[in-house]
Amino acid sequence: MIVYTPFWETLQQSGETTYTLINNYKISSATIHKLRRNYPITTTTINDLCRILHCGVNQILRYVPSEEDQTL
């Protein structure tokens, strides 16, 4: 399962807010909702967040093994 816990920590340290992401950088409120709920987001969005926050992917998301993962 992909979790976005690192994103919230990075966002807090950056001085940006969800308000500035939505209003200054045009990140949709639906994307913020997905991040809050650990729902899937696109790699394009991950790229945009890395550019905005000047960080690496590991500062946006982390993989955590979970029983909820789909069977392969």
Protein backbone atom coordinates (compact mmCIF):
# COMPACT_ATOMS: atom_id res chain seq x y z
CA MET A 1 0.00 0.00 0.00
CA ILE A 2 1.29 3.45 -0.88
CA VAL A 3 0.95 5.98 1.93
CA TYR A 4 1.48 9.72 1.70
CA THR A 5 2.61 10.35 5.27
CA PRO A 6 5.95 11.74 4.03
CA PHE A 7 4.06 14.26 1.87
CA TRP A 8 2.36 15.84 4.87
CA GLU A 9 5.66 16.10 6.73
CA THR A 10 7.37 17.61 3.67
CA LEU A 11 4.48 20.02 3.10
CA GLN A 12 4.67 21.25 6.68
CA GLN A 13 8.43 21.81 6.46
CA SER A 14 8.16 23.59 3.09
CA GLY A 15 6.08 26.52 4.26
CA GLU A 16 3.45 25.71 1.62
CA THR A 17 -0.11 24.76 2.56
CA THR A 18 -2.92 22.89 0.89
CA TYR A 19 -4.40 26.33 0.17
CA THR A 20 -1.29 27.43 -1.75
CA LEU A 21 -1.11 24.11 -3.58
CA ILE A 22 -4.69 24.56 -4.76
CA ASN A 23 -4.65 28.29 -5.48
CA ASN A 24 -1.07 29.00 -6.56
CA TYR A 25 -0.09 25.71 -8.18
CA LYS A 26 -3.48 24.45 -9.42
CA ILE A 27 -3.31 21.12 -7.57
CA SER A 28 -6.96 20.05 -7.40
CA SER A 29 -8.85 19.69 -4.15
CA ALA A 30 -9.67 16.16 -5.33
CA THR A 31 -5.94 15.38 -5.36
CA ILE A 32 -5.57 16.73 -1.82
CA HIS A 33 -8.48 14.48 -0.82
CA LYS A 34 -6.71 11.48 -2.41
CA LEU A 35 -3.50 12.29 -0.54
CA ARG A 36 -5.40 12.49 2.76
CA ARG A 37 -7.02 9.09 2.15
CA ASN A 38 -3.97 7.35 0.62
CA TYR A 39 -5.85 6.86 -2.64
CA PRO A 40 -3.85 6.45 -5.87
CA ILE A 41 -2.57 9.55 -7.66
CA THR A 42 -0.79 9.81 -11.00
CA THR A 43 2.94 9.90 -11.50
CA THR A 44 2.43 13.27 -13.18
CA THR A 45 0.97 14.60 -9.93
CA ILE A 46 3.84 13.09 -7.94
CA ASN A 47 6.26 14.82 -10.33
CA ASP A 48 4.43 18.14 -9.89
CA LEU A 49 4.51 17.84 -6.09
CA CYS A 50 8.24 17.05 -6.15
CA ARG A 51 8.86 20.15 -8.30
CA ILE A 52 6.70 22.39 -6.10
CA LEU A 53 8.18 21.16 -2.83
CA HIS A 54 11.76 20.74 -4.16
CA CYS A 55 12.01 17.18 -2.92
CA GLY A 56 12.42 13.57 -4.00
CA VAL A 57 9.71 10.94 -4.41
CA ASN A 58 10.64 9.40 -1.05
CA GLN A 59 9.53 12.66 0.56
CA ILE A 60 6.08 12.30 -1.03
CA LEU A 61 5.22 8.63 -0.61
CA ARG A 62 6.27 5.35 0.97
CA TYR A 63 5.34 1.73 0.29
CA VAL A 64 4.05 -0.19 3.30
CA PRO A 65 3.15 -3.90 2.86
CA SER A 66 -0.49 -4.44 3.70
CA GLU A 67 -3.09 -7.18 3.87
CA GLU A 68 -5.29 -4.84 1.80
CA ASP A 69 -2.98 -5.11 -1.23
CA GLN A 70 -4.54 -6.90 -4.18
CA THR A 71 -3.56 -10.48 -4.81
CA LEU A 72 -0.98 -10.91 -7.56
